Amino acid sequence: MPTERDPRIQRSLRLATGTALCLATSFGLALPIPFLAPVLCLLLLASVNRPLPFKAGLALALAAMLTTGIGLLLIPILKYYPLSGVLLIGLSLFLVLRFGLRGGNSLIATFLVIGLTMISSAGVAAFDLAAMVIGALVQGLLLAVSMVAISHWLFPESPDAPASPSPPALPAEVVDRVALRAALIVIPAFLLALIDPANYLPIILKAVSLGQQSATTDARNAGRELLGSTLLAGLLAILFWCALSLFVHLWMFFLWMLLFGLVLARKLYRVGPTRFTASFWLNTFITLIILLGQSVQDSAAGKDVYTAFAVRMGLFILVTLYACLMMHLLEQRPRKAQGLT
């Protein structure tokens, strides 16, 4: 093998292969909430260019179980004091997101957000549902760590490869405003999940992804970044479903995901020309997996896949438009205050 190779090519192959393998394995094993594992695998591969040691993987799974378990403690408050519970979760979301923006561990912050929103809203409907979501998250995380190790074995990182550039740190004076904006983006999806957790839990994942993406996007590009990635993911999901309908099989599911993943990974790592940021392509990939995973589950349950997809896509677009609105509103206030001063 040649010694001089663009590390971005290896990373693109690793990300697409690991995500496709995790997707096929998760659905093949019939894990609860099977699209969680490939989403977690995608986030791990996109954020870390080294395989996680076995002990680190177990520690991460334990941390996920403990952090998401916080949502179980909030269930009685939401049941008997709903207004106080929603306000408490909103404040907690702001503090957790601010912790992540100030340099805290992004995965721990994500697990805390999931615990505060997904677990607590599922527990209001049924405690067993909340416990099932925690179990699905831990199982999906363990599977994701295993697939990360396999993908690194298939496409190892070169020892002399430069590290991926870290995102620029936010100025200290805007961290609170960005954290507040991200919390306001997640809260409406959480309120929807309180109404019907079984159908609206994926909306929370989409809102969390939008909240994280809004931290690296300014108000001028909000529509193109947030709404554009959501619409592109919907279009890719339709093309994927039409291609998969030609021959429905688990291996074809893997191969089509590998093909679509390679296209998106090349854009994410800028192997091919693109005008959009890495967060745009990452959010597109995450939304594509969520839409496809829900459609496959709807098909297995005998539901009308096309109607369910249209409703889910409409909700995703509404959540994205609301995120764009929050970005514009909270972006204009400092400028007006500065002009008055």
C-alpha atoms as a PDB file:
ATOM      1  CA  MET A   1       0.000   0.000   0.000  1.00  0.00           C
ATOM      2  CA  PRO A   2       1.296   3.492  -0.698  1.00  0.00           C
ATOM      3  CA  THR A   3       2.656   5.309   2.314  1.00  0.00           C
ATOM      4  CA  GLU A   4       1.445   8.733   1.197  1.00  0.00           C
ATOM      5  CA  ARG A   5      -2.318   8.706   1.131  1.00  0.00           C
ATOM      6  CA  ASP A   6      -4.808  11.440   1.753  1.00  0.00           C
ATOM      7  CA  PRO A   7      -6.189  10.699   5.258  1.00  0.00           C
ATOM      8  CA  ARG A   8      -9.524  12.164   4.229  1.00  0.00           C
ATOM      9  CA  ILE A   9     -10.077   9.219   1.855  1.00  0.00           C
ATOM     10  CA  GLN A  10      -9.428   6.720   4.642  1.00  0.00           C
ATOM     11  CA  ARG A  11     -11.735   8.625   6.972  1.00  0.00           C
ATOM     12  CA  SER A  12     -14.494   8.755   4.361  1.00  0.00           C
ATOM     13  CA  LEU A  13     -14.266   5.006   3.750  1.00  0.00           C
ATOM     14  CA  ARG A  14     -14.165   4.341   7.485  1.00  0.00           C
ATOM     15  CA  LEU A  15     -17.170   6.533   8.280  1.00  0.00           C
ATOM     16  CA  ALA A  16     -19.353   5.134   5.481  1.00  0.00           C
ATOM     17  CA  THR A  17     -18.400   1.495   6.096  1.00  0.00           C
ATOM     18  CA  GLY A  18     -18.746   1.675   9.878  1.00  0.00           C
ATOM     19  CA  THR A  19     -22.130   3.399   9.712  1.00  0.00           C
ATOM     20  CA  ALA A  20     -23.478   0.950   7.114  1.00  0.00           C
ATOM     21  CA  LEU A  21     -22.229  -2.062   9.099  1.00  0.00           C
ATOM     22  CA  CYS A  22     -23.761  -0.709  12.298  1.00  0.00           C
ATOM     23  CA  LEU A  23     -27.075  -0.058  10.535  1.00  0.00           C
ATOM     24  CA  ALA A  24     -27.267  -3.562   9.062  1.00  0.00           C
ATOM     25  CA  THR A  25     -26.235  -5.219  12.338  1.00  0.00           C
ATOM     26  CA  SER A  26     -28.696  -3.187  14.410  1.00  0.00           C
ATOM     27  CA  PHE A  27     -31.646  -4.036  12.170  1.00  0.00           C
ATOM     28  CA  GLY A  28     -30.453  -7.616  11.741  1.00  0.00           C
ATOM     29  CA  LEU A  29     -30.382  -8.119  15.515  1.00  0.00           C
ATOM     30  CA  ALA A  30     -33.778  -6.369  15.827  1.00  0.00           C
ATOM     31  CA  LEU A  31     -32.530  -4.044  18.542  1.00  0.00           C
ATOM     32  CA  PRO A  32     -35.092  -1.697  20.116  1.00  0.00           C
ATOM     33  CA  ILE A  33     -34.956   1.675  18.332  1.00  0.00           C
ATOM     34  CA  PRO A  34     -32.488   0.257  15.774  1.00  0.00           C
ATOM     35  CA  PHE A  35     -31.567   3.581  14.169  1.00  0.00           C
ATOM     36  CA  LEU A  36     -29.953   4.787  17.418  1.00  0.00           C
ATOM     37  CA  ALA A  37     -26.841   2.610  16.972  1.00  0.00           C
ATOM     38  CA  PRO A  38     -25.861   3.922  13.490  1.00  0.00           C
ATOM     39  CA  VAL A  39     -26.453   7.513  14.603  1.00  0.00           C
ATOM     40  CA  LEU A  40     -24.120   6.999  17.583  1.00  0.00           C
ATOM     41  CA  CYS A  41     -21.579   5.215  15.373  1.00  0.00           C
ATOM     42  CA  LEU A  42     -21.661   8.105  12.916  1.00  0.00           C
ATOM     43  CA  LEU A  43     -21.077  10.641  15.694  1.00  0.00           C
ATOM     44  CA  LEU A  44     -18.167   8.619  17.116  1.00  0.00           C
ATOM     45  CA  LEU A  45     -16.486   8.156  13.738  1.00  0.00           C
ATOM     46  CA  ALA A  46     -16.939  11.823  12.839  1.00  0.00           C
ATOM     47  CA  SER A  47     -15.536  13.103  16.141  1.00  0.00           C
ATOM     48  CA  VAL A  48     -12.719  10.628  16.910  1.00  0.00           C
ATOM     49  CA  ASN A  49     -10.086   9.403  14.458  1.00  0.00           C
ATOM     50  CA  ARG A  50      -8.778   6.675  16.778  1.00  0.00           C
ATOM     51  CA  PRO A  51     -10.535   3.473  17.911  1.00  0.00           C
ATOM     52  CA  LEU A  52     -11.873   3.512  21.438  1.00  0.00           C
ATOM     53  CA  PRO A  53     -10.194   1.016  23.826  1.00  0.00           C
ATOM     54  CA  PHE A  54     -12.396  -1.679  25.322  1.00  0.00           C
ATOM     55  CA  LYS A  55     -12.340  -0.099  28.776  1.00  0.00           C
ATOM     56  CA  ALA A  56     -13.162   3.306  27.320  1.00  0.00           C
ATOM     57  CA  GLY A  57     -16.130   1.805  25.490  1.00  0.00           C
ATOM     58  CA  LEU A  58     -17.474   0.224  28.668  1.00  0.00           C
ATOM     59  CA  ALA A  59     -16.909   3.463  30.579  1.00  0.00           C
ATOM     60  CA  LEU A  60     -18.780   5.371  27.870  1.00  0.00           C
ATOM     61  CA  ALA A  61     -21.700   2.928  28.035  1.00  0.00           C
ATOM     62  CA  LEU A  62     -21.784   3.245  31.838  1.00  0.00           C
ATOM     63  CA  ALA A  63     -21.679   7.038  31.552  1.00  0.00           C
ATOM     64  CA  ALA A  64     -24.547   6.925  29.054  1.00  0.00           C
ATOM     65  CA  MET A  65     -26.619   4.763  31.403  1.00  0.00           C
ATOM     66  CA  LEU A  66     -25.988   7.063  34.372  1.00  0.00           C
ATOM     67  CA  THR A  67     -26.531  10.344  32.514  1.00  0.00           C
ATOM     68  CA  THR A  68     -29.689   9.226  30.745  1.00  0.00           C
ATOM     69  CA  GLY A  69     -30.946   7.751  34.015  1.00  0.00           C
ATOM     70  CA  ILE A  70     -31.298  11.314  35.294  1.00  0.00           C
ATOM     71  CA  GLY A  71     -34.489  11.485  33.252  1.00  0.00           C
ATOM     72  CA  LEU A  72     -36.041   8.800  35.449  1.00  0.00           C
ATOM     73  CA  LEU A  73     -35.738  11.098  38.461  1.00  0.00           C
ATOM     74  CA  LEU A  74     -37.699  13.805  36.653  1.00  0.00           C
ATOM     75  CA  ILE A  75     -40.708  11.616  35.852  1.00  0.00           C
ATOM     76  CA  PRO A  76     -42.604  12.247  39.151  1.00  0.00           C
ATOM     77  CA  ILE A  77     -42.081  16.011  38.827  1.00  0.00           C
ATOM     78  CA  LEU A  78     -43.444  16.016  35.263  1.00  0.00           C
ATOM     79  CA  LYS A  79     -46.438  13.896  36.293  1.00  0.00           C
ATOM     80  CA  TYR A  80     -47.529  15.829  39.380  1.00  0.00           C
ATOM     81  CA  TYR A  81     -46.041  19.291  38.759  1.00  0.00           C
ATOM     82  CA  PRO A  82     -45.907  19.579  34.950  1.00  0.00           C
ATOM     83  CA  LEU A  83     -45.183  23.312  34.717  1.00  0.00           C
ATOM     84  CA  SER A  84     -42.392  23.165  37.283  1.00  0.00           C
ATOM     85  CA  GLY A  85     -41.018  20.044  35.587  1.00  0.00           C
ATOM     86  CA  VAL A  86     -40.887  21.689  32.164  1.00  0.00           C
ATOM     87  CA  LEU A  87     -39.202  24.793  33.610  1.00  0.00           C
ATOM     88  CA  LEU A  88     -36.682  22.639  35.484  1.00  0.00           C
ATOM     89  CA  ILE A  89     -35.857  20.662  32.321  1.00  0.00           C
ATOM     90  CA  GLY A  90     -35.509  23.886  30.331  1.00  0.00           C
ATOM     91  CA  LEU A  91     -33.037  25.278  32.871  1.00  0.00           C
ATOM     92  CA  SER A  92     -31.146  21.983  32.942  1.00  0.00           C
ATOM     93  CA  LEU A  93     -30.948  21.947  29.144  1.00  0.00           C
ATOM     94  CA  PHE A  94     -29.431  25.424  29.155  1.00  0.00           C
ATOM     95  CA  LEU A  95     -26.798  24.424  31.739  1.00  0.00           C
ATOM     96  CA  VAL A  96     -25.903  21.186  29.934  1.00  0.00           C
ATOM     97  CA  LEU A  97     -25.620  22.856  26.543  1.00  0.00           C
ATOM     98  CA  ARG A  98     -23.521  25.639  28.041  1.00  0.00           C
ATOM     99  CA  PHE A  99     -21.262  22.974  29.561  1.00  0.00           C
ATOM    100  CA  GLY A 100     -20.755  21.443  26.113  1.00  0.00           C
ATOM    101  CA  LEU A 101     -20.094  24.810  24.451  1.00  0.00           C
ATOM    102  CA  ARG A 102     -17.498  25.722  27.084  1.00  0.00           C
ATOM    103  CA  GLY A 103     -15.322  22.763  26.153  1.00  0.00           C
ATOM    104  CA  GLY A 104     -17.026  19.938  28.014  1.00  0.00           C
ATOM    105  CA  ASN A 105     -17.286  16.436  26.622  1.00  0.00           C
ATOM    106  CA  SER A 106     -19.750  16.660  23.725  1.00  0.00           C
ATOM    107  CA  LEU A 107     -20.879  13.019  24.037  1.00  0.00           C
ATOM    108  CA  ILE A 108     -21.642  13.405  27.747  1.00  0.00           C
ATOM    109  CA  ALA A 109     -23.579  16.592  26.978  1.00  0.00           C
ATOM    110  CA  THR A 110     -25.549  14.756  24.281  1.00  0.00           C
ATOM    111  CA  PHE A 111     -26.394  11.891  26.645  1.00  0.00           C
ATOM    112  CA  LEU A 112     -27.527  14.373  29.286  1.00  0.00           C
ATOM    113  CA  VAL A 113     -29.789  16.110  26.780  1.00  0.00           C
ATOM    114  CA  ILE A 114     -31.264  12.743  25.748  1.00  0.00           C
ATOM    115  CA  GLY A 115     -31.817  11.840  29.396  1.00  0.00           C
ATOM    116  CA  LEU A 116     -33.517  15.145  30.170  1.00  0.00           C
ATOM    117  CA  THR A 117     -35.826  14.988  27.149  1.00  0.00           C
ATOM    118  CA  MET A 118     -36.303  11.525  25.626  1.00  0.00           C
ATOM    119  CA  ILE A 119     -36.179   9.503  28.853  1.00  0.00           C
ATOM    120  CA  SER A 120     -38.345  11.845  30.921  1.00  0.00           C
ATOM    121  CA  SER A 121     -40.995  12.227  28.186  1.00  0.00           C
ATOM    122  CA  ALA A 122     -41.104   8.453  27.633  1.00  0.00           C
ATOM    123  CA  GLY A 123     -41.412   7.888  31.383  1.00  0.00           C
ATOM    124  CA  VAL A 124     -44.463  10.132  31.608  1.00  0.00           C
ATOM    125  CA  ALA A 125     -46.278   7.708  29.292  1.00  0.00           C
ATOM    126  CA  ALA A 126     -44.901   4.510  30.893  1.00  0.00           C
ATOM    127  CA  PHE A 127     -41.919   3.756  33.072  1.00  0.00           C
ATOM    128  CA  ASP A 128     -41.229   0.581  31.071  1.00  0.00           C
ATOM    129  CA  LEU A 129     -40.946   2.678  27.911  1.00  0.00           C
ATOM    130  CA  ALA A 130     -38.309   4.906  29.532  1.00  0.00           C
ATOM    131  CA  ALA A 131     -36.353   1.866  30.723  1.00  0.00           C
ATOM    132  CA  MET A 132     -36.575   0.405  27.196  1.00  0.00           C
ATOM    133  CA  VAL A 133     -35.161   3.621  25.689  1.00  0.00           C
ATOM    134  CA  ILE A 134     -32.231   3.553  28.139  1.00  0.00           C
ATOM    135  CA  GLY A 135     -31.585  -0.094  27.324  1.00  0.00           C
ATOM    136  CA  ALA A 136     -31.758   0.656  23.601  1.00  0.00           C
ATOM    137  CA  LEU A 137     -29.302   3.511  24.011  1.00  0.00           C
ATOM    138  CA  VAL A 138     -26.774   1.401  25.948  1.00  0.00           C
ATOM    139  CA  GLN A 139     -27.075  -1.532  23.524  1.00  0.00           C
ATOM    140  CA  GLY A 140     -26.769   0.800  20.558  1.00  0.00           C
ATOM    141  CA  LEU A 141     -23.720   2.476  22.064  1.00  0.00           C
ATOM    142  CA  LEU A 142     -21.965  -0.853  22.697  1.00  0.00           C
ATOM    143  CA  LEU A 143     -22.699  -1.911  19.122  1.00  0.00           C
ATOM    144  CA  ALA A 144     -21.494   1.444  17.815  1.00  0.00           C
ATOM    145  CA  VAL A 145     -18.190   1.146  19.717  1.00  0.00           C
ATOM    146  CA  SER A 146     -17.693  -2.352  18.265  1.00  0.00           C
ATOM    147  CA  MET A 147     -18.367  -1.142  14.720  1.00  0.00           C
ATOM    148  CA  VAL A 148     -15.960   1.772  15.238  1.00  0.00           C
ATOM    149  CA  ALA A 149     -13.236  -0.727  16.174  1.00  0.00           C
ATOM    150  CA  ILE A 150     -13.997  -2.900  13.117  1.00  0.00           C
ATOM    151  CA  SER A 151     -14.010   0.074  10.738  1.00  0.00           C
ATOM    152  CA  HIS A 152     -10.680   1.268  12.149  1.00  0.00           C
ATOM    153  CA  TRP A 153      -9.284  -2.238  11.609  1.00  0.00           C
ATOM    154  CA  LEU A 154     -10.485  -2.209   7.998  1.00  0.00           C
ATOM    155  CA  PHE A 155      -9.298   1.348   7.291  1.00  0.00           C
ATOM    156  CA  PRO A 156      -6.615   2.221   9.861  1.00  0.00           C
ATOM    157  CA  GLU A 157      -5.528   5.775  10.479  1.00  0.00           C
ATOM    158  CA  SER A 158      -2.021   6.530   9.278  1.00  0.00           C
ATOM    159  CA  PRO A 159       0.369   7.283  12.189  1.00  0.00           C
ATOM    160  CA  ASP A 160       1.596  10.455  10.511  1.00  0.00           C
ATOM    161  CA  ALA A 161      -1.864  11.645   9.454  1.00  0.00           C
ATOM    162  CA  PRO A 162      -2.700  15.128  10.714  1.00  0.00           C
ATOM    163  CA  ALA A 163      -5.498  15.409  13.229  1.00  0.00           C
ATOM    164  CA  SER A 164      -8.834  16.737  12.127  1.00  0.00           C
ATOM    165  CA  PRO A 165      -9.133  20.473  12.723  1.00  0.00           C
ATOM    166  CA  SER A 166     -11.129  21.174  15.844  1.00  0.00           C
ATOM    167  CA  PRO A 167     -14.046  23.595  15.517  1.00  0.00           C
ATOM    168  CA  PRO A 168     -13.207  27.141  16.580  1.00  0.00           C
ATOM    169  CA  ALA A 169     -14.091  27.947  20.170  1.00  0.00           C
ATOM    170  CA  LEU A 170     -16.949  30.353  20.736  1.00  0.00           C
ATOM    171  CA  PRO A 171     -16.181  33.663  22.419  1.00  0.00           C
ATOM    172  CA  ALA A 172     -17.039  33.617  26.113  1.00  0.00           C
ATOM    173  CA  GLU A 173     -19.514  36.484  25.762  1.00  0.00           C
ATOM    174  CA  VAL A 174     -21.758  34.580  23.284  1.00  0.00           C
ATOM    175  CA  VAL A 175     -21.730  31.119  24.911  1.00  0.00           C
ATOM    176  CA  ASP A 176     -24.765  31.843  27.108  1.00  0.00           C
ATOM    177  CA  ARG A 177     -26.776  33.205  24.183  1.00  0.00           C
ATOM    178  CA  VAL A 178     -25.934  30.233  21.951  1.00  0.00           C
ATOM    179  CA  ALA A 179     -26.759  27.777  24.746  1.00  0.00           C
ATOM    180  CA  LEU A 180     -30.098  29.529  25.340  1.00  0.00           C
ATOM    181  CA  ARG A 181     -30.833  29.375  21.619  1.00  0.00           C
ATOM    182  CA  ALA A 182     -30.061  25.653  21.458  1.00  0.00           C
ATOM    183  CA  ALA A 183     -32.237  24.981  24.520  1.00  0.00           C
ATOM    184  CA  LEU A 184     -35.150  26.884  22.980  1.00  0.00           C
ATOM    185  CA  ILE A 185     -34.784  24.774  19.824  1.00  0.00           C
ATOM    186  CA  VAL A 186     -35.033  21.498  21.776  1.00  0.00           C
ATOM    187  CA  ILE A 187     -37.900  22.420  24.153  1.00  0.00           C
ATOM    188  CA  PRO A 188     -40.795  22.400  21.584  1.00  0.00           C
ATOM    189  CA  ALA A 189     -39.771  18.928  20.395  1.00  0.00           C
ATOM    190  CA  PHE A 190     -39.728  17.819  24.027  1.00  0.00           C
ATOM    191  CA  LEU A 191     -43.255  19.163  24.528  1.00  0.00           C
ATOM    192  CA  LEU A 192     -44.422  17.238  21.452  1.00  0.00           C
ATOM    193  CA  ALA A 193     -42.857  14.076  22.848  1.00  0.00           C
ATOM    194  CA  LEU A 194     -44.811  14.563  26.073  1.00  0.00           C
ATOM    195  CA  ILE A 195     -48.031  14.315  24.050  1.00  0.00           C
ATOM    196  CA  ASP A 196     -47.117  11.102  22.205  1.00  0.00           C
ATOM    197  CA  PRO A 197     -43.665   9.706  23.080  1.00  0.00           C
ATOM    198  CA  ALA A 198     -43.939   6.664  20.805  1.00  0.00           C
ATOM    199  CA  ASN A 199     -44.251   8.792  17.655  1.00  0.00           C
ATOM    200  CA  TYR A 200     -42.380  11.966  18.568  1.00  0.00           C
ATOM    201  CA  LEU A 201     -39.173  10.647  20.157  1.00  0.00           C
ATOM    202  CA  PRO A 202     -37.289  10.891  16.809  1.00  0.00           C
ATOM    203  CA  ILE A 203     -38.250  14.570  16.674  1.00  0.00           C
ATOM    204  CA  ILE A 204     -36.149  15.105  19.811  1.00  0.00           C
ATOM    205  CA  LEU A 205     -33.092  13.599  18.102  1.00  0.00           C
ATOM    206  CA  LYS A 206     -33.638  15.935  15.168  1.00  0.00           C
ATOM    207  CA  ALA A 207     -34.019  18.941  17.481  1.00  0.00           C
ATOM    208  CA  VAL A 208     -30.845  18.009  19.391  1.00  0.00           C
ATOM    209  CA  SER A 209     -28.975  17.775  16.085  1.00  0.00           C
ATOM    210  CA  LEU A 210     -30.315  21.189  15.043  1.00  0.00           C
ATOM    211  CA  GLY A 211     -29.363  22.707  18.390  1.00  0.00           C
ATOM    212  CA  GLN A 212     -25.789  21.468  18.033  1.00  0.00           C
ATOM    213  CA  GLN A 213     -25.621  22.597  14.415  1.00  0.00           C
ATOM    214  CA  SER A 214     -26.885  26.076  15.343  1.00  0.00           C
ATOM    215  CA  ALA A 215     -23.784  26.572  17.518  1.00  0.00           C
ATOM    216  CA  THR A 216     -21.582  26.641  14.390  1.00  0.00           C
ATOM    217  CA  THR A 217     -23.973  28.536  12.105  1.00  0.00           C
ATOM    218  CA  ASP A 218     -24.707  32.238  11.938  1.00  0.00           C
ATOM    219  CA  ALA A 219     -28.152  33.706  11.337  1.00  0.00           C
ATOM    220  CA  ARG A 220     -27.387  34.693   7.742  1.00  0.00           C
ATOM    221  CA  ASN A 221     -26.724  31.080   6.720  1.00  0.00           C
ATOM    222  CA  ALA A 222     -29.309  29.494   9.030  1.00  0.00           C
ATOM    223  CA  GLY A 223     -31.842  28.790   6.295  1.00  0.00           C
ATOM    224  CA  ARG A 224     -29.306  27.274   3.949  1.00  0.00           C
ATOM    225  CA  GLU A 225     -27.560  25.219   6.637  1.00  0.00           C
ATOM    226  CA  LEU A 226     -30.481  24.002   8.758  1.00  0.00           C
ATOM    227  CA  LEU A 227     -33.374  23.870   6.313  1.00  0.00           C
ATOM    228  CA  GLY A 228     -31.172  22.886   3.367  1.00  0.00           C
ATOM    229  CA  SER A 229     -29.720  19.874   5.166  1.00  0.00           C
ATOM    230  CA  THR A 230     -33.187  18.745   6.281  1.00  0.00           C
ATOM    231  CA  LEU A 231     -34.670  18.992   2.780  1.00  0.00           C
ATOM    232  CA  LEU A 232     -31.657  17.264   1.246  1.00  0.00           C
ATOM    233  CA  ALA A 233     -31.957  14.430   3.771  1.00  0.00           C
ATOM    234  CA  GLY A 234     -35.631  14.019   2.873  1.00  0.00           C
ATOM    235  CA  LEU A 235     -34.819  13.865  -0.846  1.00  0.00           C
ATOM    236  CA  LEU A 236     -32.044  11.329  -0.258  1.00  0.00           C
ATOM    237  CA  ALA A 237     -34.381   9.249   1.919  1.00  0.00           C
ATOM    238  CA  ILE A 238     -36.938   9.103  -0.925  1.00  0.00           C
ATOM    239  CA  LEU A 239     -34.256   8.051  -3.431  1.00  0.00           C
ATOM    240  CA  PHE A 240     -32.899   5.483  -0.959  1.00  0.00           C
ATOM    241  CA  TRP A 241     -36.358   3.998  -0.367  1.00  0.00           C
ATOM    242  CA  CYS A 242     -37.083   3.753  -4.089  1.00  0.00           C
ATOM    243  CA  ALA A 243     -33.733   2.020  -4.681  1.00  0.00           C
ATOM    244  CA  LEU A 244     -34.281  -0.363  -1.757  1.00  0.00           C
ATOM    245  CA  SER A 245     -37.771  -1.224  -3.039  1.00  0.00           C
ATOM    246  CA  LEU A 246     -36.217  -2.809  -6.137  1.00  0.00           C
ATOM    247  CA  PHE A 247     -34.874  -5.669  -4.008  1.00  0.00           C
ATOM    248  CA  VAL A 248     -35.727  -5.677  -0.324  1.00  0.00           C
ATOM    249  CA  HIS A 249     -33.009  -7.444   1.640  1.00  0.00           C
ATOM    250  CA  LEU A 250     -30.824  -6.674   4.627  1.00  0.00           C
ATOM    251  CA  TRP A 251     -27.637  -6.851   2.558  1.00  0.00           C
ATOM    252  CA  MET A 252     -29.092  -4.456   0.003  1.00  0.00           C
ATOM    253  CA  PHE A 253     -29.934  -2.147   2.902  1.00  0.00           C
ATOM    254  CA  PHE A 254     -26.261  -2.294   3.876  1.00  0.00           C
ATOM    255  CA  LEU A 255     -24.989  -1.766   0.317  1.00  0.00           C
ATOM    256  CA  TRP A 256     -27.262   1.188  -0.404  1.00  0.00           C
ATOM    257  CA  MET A 257     -26.338   2.800   2.905  1.00  0.00           C
ATOM    258  CA  LEU A 258     -22.677   2.246   2.058  1.00  0.00           C
ATOM    259  CA  LEU A 259     -23.147   3.986  -1.298  1.00  0.00           C
ATOM    260  CA  PHE A 260     -25.079   6.947   0.110  1.00  0.00           C
ATOM    261  CA  GLY A 261     -22.658   7.120   3.046  1.00  0.00           C
ATOM    262  CA  LEU A 262     -19.653   7.325   0.731  1.00  0.00           C
ATOM    263  CA  VAL A 263     -21.217  10.229  -1.148  1.00  0.00           C
ATOM    264  CA  LEU A 264     -21.991  12.137   2.063  1.00  0.00           C
ATOM    265  CA  ALA A 265     -18.666  11.254   3.718  1.00  0.00           C
ATOM    266  CA  ARG A 266     -16.705  12.600   0.741  1.00  0.00           C
ATOM    267  CA  LYS A 267     -18.537  15.892   1.145  1.00  0.00           C
ATOM    268  CA  LEU A 268     -18.146  15.898   4.920  1.00  0.00           C
ATOM    269  CA  TYR A 269     -14.351  15.478   4.698  1.00  0.00           C
ATOM    270  CA  ARG A 270     -14.140  17.742   1.622  1.00  0.00           C
ATOM    271  CA  VAL A 271     -12.710  15.070  -0.649  1.00  0.00           C
ATOM    272  CA  GLY A 272     -14.988  16.456  -3.344  1.00  0.00           C
ATOM    273  CA  PRO A 273     -15.853  20.099  -3.963  1.00  0.00           C
ATOM    274  CA  THR A 274     -18.604  21.513  -1.778  1.00  0.00           C
ATOM    275  CA  ARG A 275     -19.880  24.917  -0.692  1.00  0.00           C
ATOM    276  CA  PHE A 276     -21.367  23.673   2.560  1.00  0.00           C
ATOM    277  CA  THR A 277     -19.827  23.104   5.965  1.00  0.00           C
ATOM    278  CA  ALA A 278     -19.079  19.771   7.623  1.00  0.00           C
ATOM    279  CA  SER A 279     -21.982  20.279  10.061  1.00  0.00           C
ATOM    280  CA  PHE A 280     -24.349  20.564   7.075  1.00  0.00           C
ATOM    281  CA  TRP A 281     -23.350  17.149   5.741  1.00  0.00           C
ATOM    282  CA  LEU A 282     -23.259  15.548   9.188  1.00  0.00           C
ATOM    283  CA  ASN A 283     -26.779  16.767   9.947  1.00  0.00           C
ATOM    284  CA  THR A 284     -27.927  15.526   6.531  1.00  0.00           C
ATOM    285  CA  PHE A 285     -26.498  12.064   7.251  1.00  0.00           C
ATOM    286  CA  ILE A 286     -28.074  11.893  10.732  1.00  0.00           C
ATOM    287  CA  THR A 287     -31.490  12.983   9.431  1.00  0.00           C
ATOM    288  CA  LEU A 288     -31.286  10.451   6.591  1.00  0.00           C
ATOM    289  CA  ILE A 289     -30.670   7.595   9.061  1.00  0.00           C
ATOM    290  CA  ILE A 290     -33.544   8.698  11.321  1.00  0.00           C
ATOM    291  CA  LEU A 291     -35.998   8.969   8.413  1.00  0.00           C
ATOM    292  CA  LEU A 292     -35.009   5.622   6.931  1.00  0.00           C
ATOM    293  CA  GLY A 293     -34.999   3.847  10.282  1.00  0.00           C
ATOM    294  CA  GLN A 294     -38.494   5.048  11.095  1.00  0.00           C
ATOM    295  CA  SER A 295     -39.767   4.115   7.627  1.00  0.00           C
ATOM    296  CA  VAL A 296     -38.391   0.583   7.926  1.00  0.00           C
ATOM    297  CA  GLN A 297     -40.041   0.202  11.340  1.00  0.00           C
ATOM    298  CA  ASP A 298     -43.338   1.535   9.953  1.00  0.00           C
ATOM    299  CA  SER A 299     -43.168  -0.986   7.126  1.00  0.00           C
ATOM    300  CA  ALA A 300     -42.478  -3.852   9.537  1.00  0.00           C
ATOM    301  CA  ALA A 301     -45.430  -2.766  11.696  1.00  0.00           C
ATOM    302  CA  GLY A 302     -47.776  -2.689   8.697  1.00  0.00           C
ATOM    303  CA  LYS A 303     -48.304   1.087   8.719  1.00  0.00           C
ATOM    304  CA  ASP A 304     -48.711   3.320   5.692  1.00  0.00           C
ATOM    305  CA  VAL A 305     -45.072   4.207   5.100  1.00  0.00           C
ATOM    306  CA  TYR A 306     -45.684   7.115   2.733  1.00  0.00           C
ATOM    307  CA  THR A 307     -48.224   8.876   4.941  1.00  0.00           C
ATOM    308  CA  ALA A 308     -46.034   8.416   8.012  1.00  0.00           C
ATOM    309  CA  PHE A 309     -43.005   9.723   6.110  1.00  0.00           C
ATOM    310  CA  ALA A 310     -44.923  12.792   4.900  1.00  0.00           C
ATOM    311  CA  VAL A 311     -46.092  13.589   8.447  1.00  0.00           C
ATOM    312  CA  ARG A 312     -42.608  13.030   9.905  1.00  0.00           C
ATOM    313  CA  MET A 313     -40.935  15.109   7.209  1.00  0.00           C
ATOM    314  CA  GLY A 314     -43.439  17.908   7.786  1.00  0.00           C
ATOM    315  CA  LEU A 315     -42.642  17.896  11.492  1.00  0.00           C
ATOM    316  CA  PHE A 316     -38.916  17.950  10.747  1.00  0.00           C
ATOM    317  CA  ILE A 317     -39.394  20.963   8.479  1.00  0.00           C
ATOM    318  CA  LEU A 318     -41.491  22.770  11.118  1.00  0.00           C
ATOM    319  CA  VAL A 319     -38.865  22.115  13.790  1.00  0.00           C
ATOM    320  CA  THR A 320     -36.163  23.374  11.419  1.00  0.00           C
ATOM    321  CA  LEU A 321     -38.106  26.539  10.552  1.00  0.00           C
ATOM    322  CA  TYR A 322     -38.594  27.191  14.256  1.00  0.00           C
ATOM    323  CA  ALA A 323     -34.830  26.745  14.781  1.00  0.00           C
ATOM    324  CA  CYS A 324     -34.139  29.290  12.024  1.00  0.00           C
ATOM    325  CA  LEU A 325     -36.581  31.709  13.662  1.00  0.00           C
ATOM    326  CA  MET A 326     -34.875  31.373  17.046  1.00  0.00           C
ATOM    327  CA  MET A 327     -31.493  31.983  15.445  1.00  0.00           C
ATOM    328  CA  HIS A 328     -32.688  35.182  13.790  1.00  0.00           C
ATOM    329  CA  LEU A 329     -34.428  36.482  16.908  1.00  0.00           C
ATOM    330  CA  LEU A 330     -31.524  35.826  19.266  1.00  0.00           C
ATOM    331  CA  GLU A 331     -28.975  37.020  16.724  1.00  0.00           C
ATOM    332  CA  GLN A 332     -30.554  40.444  16.314  1.00  0.00           C
ATOM    333  CA  ARG A 333     -30.818  41.421  19.986  1.00  0.00           C
ATOM    334  CA  PRO A 334     -27.116  42.053  20.650  1.00  0.00           C
ATOM    335  CA  ARG A 335     -26.836  44.139  17.471  1.00  0.00           C
ATOM    336  CA  LYS A 336     -29.792  46.360  18.430  1.00  0.00           C
ATOM    337  CA  ALA A 337     -28.447  46.828  21.934  1.00  0.00           C
ATOM    338  CA  GLN A 338     -25.026  47.715  20.572  1.00  0.00           C
ATOM    339  CA  GLY A 339     -26.545  50.312  18.246  1.00  0.00           C
ATOM    340  CA  LEU A 340     -28.474  51.957  21.084  1.00  0.00           C
ATOM    341  CA  THR A 341     -25.346  52.069  23.224  1.00  0.00           C
END
